[in-house]
Amino acid sequence: ECIQNPLNVPAERSNGGEASQINLNGASKDVLSELPGIGPTLAERIIEYREMNGPFQSPGELIHVSRIGPKTLERLEPLVFCGESLEERGKK
């Protein structure tokens, strides 16, 4: 289950320095590309999925992105969260 930005978490990353998580709903292609096993092509697919289907509600939704399978998802789940995007913040 995704947190919905309870502490005004930055759009791309959670607080926490090196161990910070990446926000699936606000991260850029460059930031998503930093995740293990995610290069520029998969990062673009994640963004395309987000744009077509709306914000991610849980990290598990990554399984619906082409070329992300169960093993990749297992690696990514502890590294990502689903917070608000900059667009969502601007609507408040």
N, C-alpha and C. Protein backbone atom coordinates (compact mmCIF):
# COMPACT_ATOMS: atom_id res chain seq x y z
N GLU A 1 0.85 -1.19 0.00
CA GLU A 1 0.00 0.00 0.00
C GLU A 1 0.89 1.24 0.00
N CYS A 2 0.48 2.23 -0.75
CA CYS A 2 1.28 3.45 -0.87
C CYS A 2 0.86 4.49 0.13
N ILE A 3 1.85 5.22 0.62
CA ILE A 3 1.55 6.36 1.46
C ILE A 3 1.16 7.51 0.55
N GLN A 4 0.32 8.36 0.99
CA GLN A 4 -0.11 9.49 0.18
C GLN A 4 0.45 10.78 0.73
N ASN A 5 1.76 10.84 0.82
CA ASN A 5 2.50 12.05 1.17
C ASN A 5 2.07 12.68 2.48
N PRO A 6 2.14 11.96 3.58
CA PRO A 6 1.66 12.51 4.85
C PRO A 6 2.52 13.65 5.39
N LEU A 7 3.76 13.74 4.98
CA LEU A 7 4.66 14.76 5.54
C LEU A 7 5.21 15.70 4.48
N ASN A 8 4.43 15.97 3.45
CA ASN A 8 4.89 16.81 2.34
C ASN A 8 6.21 16.31 1.77
N VAL A 9 6.26 15.04 1.46
CA VAL A 9 7.45 14.41 0.89
C VAL A 9 7.76 15.07 -0.44
N PRO A 10 9.05 15.32 -0.74
CA PRO A 10 9.40 15.90 -2.04
C PRO A 10 8.85 15.07 -3.19
N ALA A 11 8.67 15.70 -4.32
CA ALA A 11 8.02 15.05 -5.45
C ALA A 11 8.76 13.82 -5.97
N GLU A 12 10.09 13.83 -5.93
CA GLU A 12 10.83 12.71 -6.51
C GLU A 12 11.34 11.70 -5.50
N ARG A 13 11.64 12.14 -4.29
CA ARG A 13 12.25 11.24 -3.31
C ARG A 13 11.67 11.48 -1.92
N SER A 14 11.75 10.43 -1.08
CA SER A 14 11.38 10.57 0.32
C SER A 14 12.58 11.13 1.07
N ASN A 15 12.36 11.57 2.28
CA ASN A 15 13.48 12.02 3.12
C ASN A 15 14.28 10.80 3.54
N GLY A 16 15.56 10.97 3.73
CA GLY A 16 16.34 9.85 4.22
C GLY A 16 17.70 9.69 3.59
N GLY A 17 18.21 10.69 2.90
CA GLY A 17 19.57 10.61 2.38
C GLY A 17 19.77 9.46 1.43
N GLU A 18 20.83 8.68 1.66
CA GLU A 18 21.18 7.59 0.76
C GLU A 18 20.08 6.54 0.66
N ALA A 19 19.37 6.31 1.74
CA ALA A 19 18.34 5.27 1.76
C ALA A 19 16.98 5.80 1.33
N SER A 20 16.94 6.98 0.73
CA SER A 20 15.65 7.55 0.36
C SER A 20 14.99 6.71 -0.72
N GLN A 21 13.67 6.71 -0.69
CA GLN A 21 12.89 6.00 -1.68
C GLN A 21 12.53 6.94 -2.82
N ILE A 22 12.23 6.36 -3.96
CA ILE A 22 11.86 7.13 -5.13
C ILE A 22 10.34 7.10 -5.29
N ASN A 23 9.78 8.27 -5.53
CA ASN A 23 8.34 8.42 -5.71
C ASN A 23 7.96 8.04 -7.14
N LEU A 24 7.22 6.97 -7.30
CA LEU A 24 6.82 6.53 -8.63
C LEU A 24 5.95 7.55 -9.35
N ASN A 25 5.25 8.38 -8.61
CA ASN A 25 4.32 9.33 -9.22
C ASN A 25 4.94 10.69 -9.51
N GLY A 26 6.17 10.92 -9.07
CA GLY A 26 6.78 12.22 -9.31
C GLY A 26 8.17 12.16 -9.89
N ALA A 27 8.73 10.97 -9.97
CA ALA A 27 10.12 10.84 -10.41
C ALA A 27 10.27 11.03 -11.92
N SER A 28 11.35 11.68 -12.28
CA SER A 28 11.69 11.88 -13.68
C SER A 28 12.33 10.61 -14.26
N LYS A 29 12.51 10.61 -15.55
CA LYS A 29 13.16 9.49 -16.23
C LYS A 29 14.57 9.27 -15.66
N ASP A 30 15.31 10.35 -15.43
CA ASP A 30 16.67 10.23 -14.90
C ASP A 30 16.68 9.60 -13.52
N VAL A 31 15.75 9.99 -12.67
CA VAL A 31 15.70 9.45 -11.31
C VAL A 31 15.27 7.98 -11.34
N LEU A 32 14.25 7.66 -12.12
CA LEU A 32 13.81 6.26 -12.22
C LEU A 32 14.93 5.38 -12.76
N SER A 33 15.76 5.92 -13.65
CA SER A 33 16.86 5.15 -14.24
C SER A 33 17.91 4.74 -13.21
N GLU A 34 17.92 5.40 -12.04
CA GLU A 34 18.87 5.05 -10.98
C GLU A 34 18.49 3.76 -10.27
N LEU A 35 17.26 3.32 -10.42
CA LEU A 35 16.82 2.09 -9.76
C LEU A 35 17.51 0.88 -10.38
N PRO A 36 17.80 -0.16 -9.58
CA PRO A 36 18.48 -1.34 -10.11
C PRO A 36 17.63 -2.05 -11.17
N GLY A 37 18.25 -2.30 -12.31
CA GLY A 37 17.56 -3.00 -13.38
C GLY A 37 16.66 -2.11 -14.23
N ILE A 38 16.62 -0.82 -13.92
CA ILE A 38 15.79 0.12 -14.67
C ILE A 38 16.71 1.10 -15.39
N GLY A 39 16.77 0.98 -16.68
CA GLY A 39 17.54 1.94 -17.48
C GLY A 39 16.59 2.97 -18.07
N PRO A 40 17.09 3.75 -19.01
CA PRO A 40 16.26 4.79 -19.61
C PRO A 40 14.99 4.26 -20.29
N THR A 41 15.10 3.10 -20.94
CA THR A 41 13.93 2.56 -21.65
C THR A 41 12.82 2.15 -20.69
N LEU A 42 13.17 1.41 -19.64
CA LEU A 42 12.15 1.02 -18.67
C LEU A 42 11.63 2.23 -17.90
N ALA A 43 12.49 3.19 -17.61
CA ALA A 43 12.05 4.40 -16.94
C ALA A 43 10.99 5.10 -17.78
N GLU A 44 11.21 5.16 -19.08
CA GLU A 44 10.23 5.77 -19.98
C GLU A 44 8.92 4.99 -19.97
N ARG A 45 9.00 3.67 -19.92
CA ARG A 45 7.78 2.84 -19.87
C ARG A 45 7.01 3.09 -18.58
N ILE A 46 7.71 3.26 -17.48
CA ILE A 46 7.05 3.56 -16.20
C ILE A 46 6.30 4.89 -16.31
N ILE A 47 6.94 5.88 -16.88
CA ILE A 47 6.31 7.19 -17.03
C ILE A 47 5.11 7.10 -17.98
N GLU A 48 5.25 6.37 -19.06
CA GLU A 48 4.13 6.20 -20.00
C GLU A 48 2.95 5.51 -19.32
N TYR A 49 3.23 4.48 -18.52
CA TYR A 49 2.17 3.79 -17.80
C TYR A 49 1.47 4.77 -16.85
N ARG A 50 2.24 5.55 -16.14
CA ARG A 50 1.70 6.54 -15.20
C ARG A 50 0.83 7.56 -15.92
N GLU A 51 1.27 8.03 -17.07
CA GLU A 51 0.51 9.02 -17.83
C GLU A 51 -0.79 8.43 -18.39
N MET A 52 -0.77 7.16 -18.78
CA MET A 52 -1.97 6.54 -19.36
C MET A 52 -2.96 6.05 -18.31
N ASN A 53 -2.47 5.67 -17.13
CA ASN A 53 -3.32 5.03 -16.13
C ASN A 53 -3.52 5.85 -14.86
N GLY A 54 -2.90 7.00 -14.79
CA GLY A 54 -2.99 7.81 -13.59
C GLY A 54 -1.93 7.40 -12.58
N PRO A 55 -1.92 8.07 -11.43
CA PRO A 55 -0.88 7.81 -10.43
C PRO A 55 -0.89 6.36 -9.95
N PHE A 56 0.29 5.86 -9.66
CA PHE A 56 0.41 4.54 -9.06
C PHE A 56 -0.23 4.56 -7.68
N GLN A 57 -0.99 3.53 -7.37
CA GLN A 57 -1.60 3.40 -6.05
C GLN A 57 -0.77 2.50 -5.14
N SER A 58 0.04 1.64 -5.74
CA SER A 58 0.93 0.77 -4.97
C SER A 58 2.12 0.40 -5.84
N PRO A 59 3.28 0.13 -5.22
CA PRO A 59 4.44 -0.30 -6.00
C PRO A 59 4.16 -1.56 -6.81
N GLY A 60 3.26 -2.40 -6.33
CA GLY A 60 2.93 -3.64 -7.02
C GLY A 60 2.38 -3.42 -8.42
N GLU A 61 1.86 -2.23 -8.70
CA GLU A 61 1.35 -1.93 -10.03
C GLU A 61 2.45 -1.93 -11.09
N LEU A 62 3.71 -1.84 -10.67
CA LEU A 62 4.82 -1.88 -11.62
C LEU A 62 4.80 -3.16 -12.45
N ILE A 63 4.19 -4.22 -11.92
CA ILE A 63 4.13 -5.49 -12.62
C ILE A 63 3.40 -5.34 -13.96
N HIS A 64 2.57 -4.31 -14.09
CA HIS A 64 1.81 -4.08 -15.31
C HIS A 64 2.62 -3.33 -16.37
N VAL A 65 3.80 -2.86 -16.00
CA VAL A 65 4.67 -2.16 -16.95
C VAL A 65 5.43 -3.22 -17.75
N SER A 66 5.38 -3.09 -19.05
CA SER A 66 6.05 -4.05 -19.93
C SER A 66 7.53 -4.20 -19.56
N ARG A 67 7.98 -5.45 -19.46
CA ARG A 67 9.36 -5.83 -19.16
C ARG A 67 9.72 -5.76 -17.67
N ILE A 68 8.74 -5.52 -16.80
CA ILE A 68 8.98 -5.63 -15.36
C ILE A 68 8.27 -6.88 -14.89
N GLY A 69 9.06 -7.85 -14.44
CA GLY A 69 8.51 -9.12 -13.97
C GLY A 69 8.59 -9.23 -12.47
N PRO A 70 8.21 -10.37 -11.93
CA PRO A 70 8.17 -10.55 -10.47
C PRO A 70 9.52 -10.33 -9.77
N LYS A 71 10.62 -10.77 -10.39
CA LYS A 71 11.92 -10.59 -9.74
C LYS A 71 12.33 -9.12 -9.69
N THR A 72 12.11 -8.41 -10.79
CA THR A 72 12.41 -6.98 -10.81
C THR A 72 11.53 -6.25 -9.81
N LEU A 73 10.26 -6.59 -9.79
CA LEU A 73 9.33 -5.96 -8.84
C LEU A 73 9.78 -6.19 -7.40
N GLU A 74 10.20 -7.40 -7.10
CA GLU A 74 10.67 -7.72 -5.75
C GLU A 74 11.86 -6.84 -5.35
N ARG A 75 12.76 -6.59 -6.30
CA ARG A 75 13.92 -5.72 -6.03
C ARG A 75 13.51 -4.27 -5.83
N LEU A 76 12.49 -3.84 -6.58
CA LEU A 76 12.11 -2.43 -6.57
C LEU A 76 11.21 -2.03 -5.41
N GLU A 77 10.37 -2.93 -4.94
CA GLU A 77 9.37 -2.57 -3.93
C GLU A 77 9.93 -1.84 -2.71
N PRO A 78 11.06 -2.25 -2.14
CA PRO A 78 11.56 -1.50 -0.98
C PRO A 78 12.17 -0.15 -1.34
N LEU A 79 12.37 0.11 -2.62
CA LEU A 79 13.07 1.32 -3.05
C LEU A 79 12.14 2.41 -3.56
N VAL A 80 10.85 2.11 -3.67
CA VAL A 80 9.90 3.07 -4.24
C VAL A 80 8.68 3.25 -3.34
N PHE A 81 8.00 4.36 -3.54
CA PHE A 81 6.72 4.61 -2.86
C PHE A 81 5.83 5.38 -3.80
N CYS A 82 4.57 5.54 -3.44
CA CYS A 82 3.60 6.25 -4.28
C CYS A 82 3.11 7.48 -3.53
N GLY A 83 3.74 8.59 -3.80
CA GLY A 83 3.32 9.86 -3.21
C GLY A 83 2.66 10.72 -4.27
N GLU A 84 2.46 11.96 -3.94
CA GLU A 84 1.85 12.89 -4.88
C GLU A 84 2.89 13.37 -5.89
N SER A 85 2.41 13.67 -7.07
CA SER A 85 3.26 14.30 -8.07
C SER A 85 3.18 15.81 -7.88
N LEU A 86 4.04 16.54 -8.56
CA LEU A 86 3.98 18.01 -8.49
C LEU A 86 2.65 18.52 -8.99
N GLU A 87 2.08 17.87 -10.03
CA GLU A 87 0.78 18.28 -10.55
C GLU A 87 -0.31 18.14 -9.50
N GLU A 88 -0.30 17.01 -8.78
CA GLU A 88 -1.31 16.78 -7.75
C GLU A 88 -1.18 17.82 -6.64
N ARG A 89 0.04 18.15 -6.27
CA ARG A 89 0.26 19.16 -5.23
C ARG A 89 -0.28 20.52 -5.64
N GLY A 90 -0.11 20.86 -6.93
CA GLY A 90 -0.54 22.16 -7.41
C GLY A 90 -2.06 22.31 -7.41
N LYS A 91 -2.79 21.20 -7.41
CA LYS A 91 -4.24 21.25 -7.42
C LYS A 91 -4.83 21.49 -6.04
N LYS A 92 -4.00 21.41 -5.00
CA LYS A 92 -4.50 21.59 -3.62
C LYS A 92 -4.48 23.03 -3.20
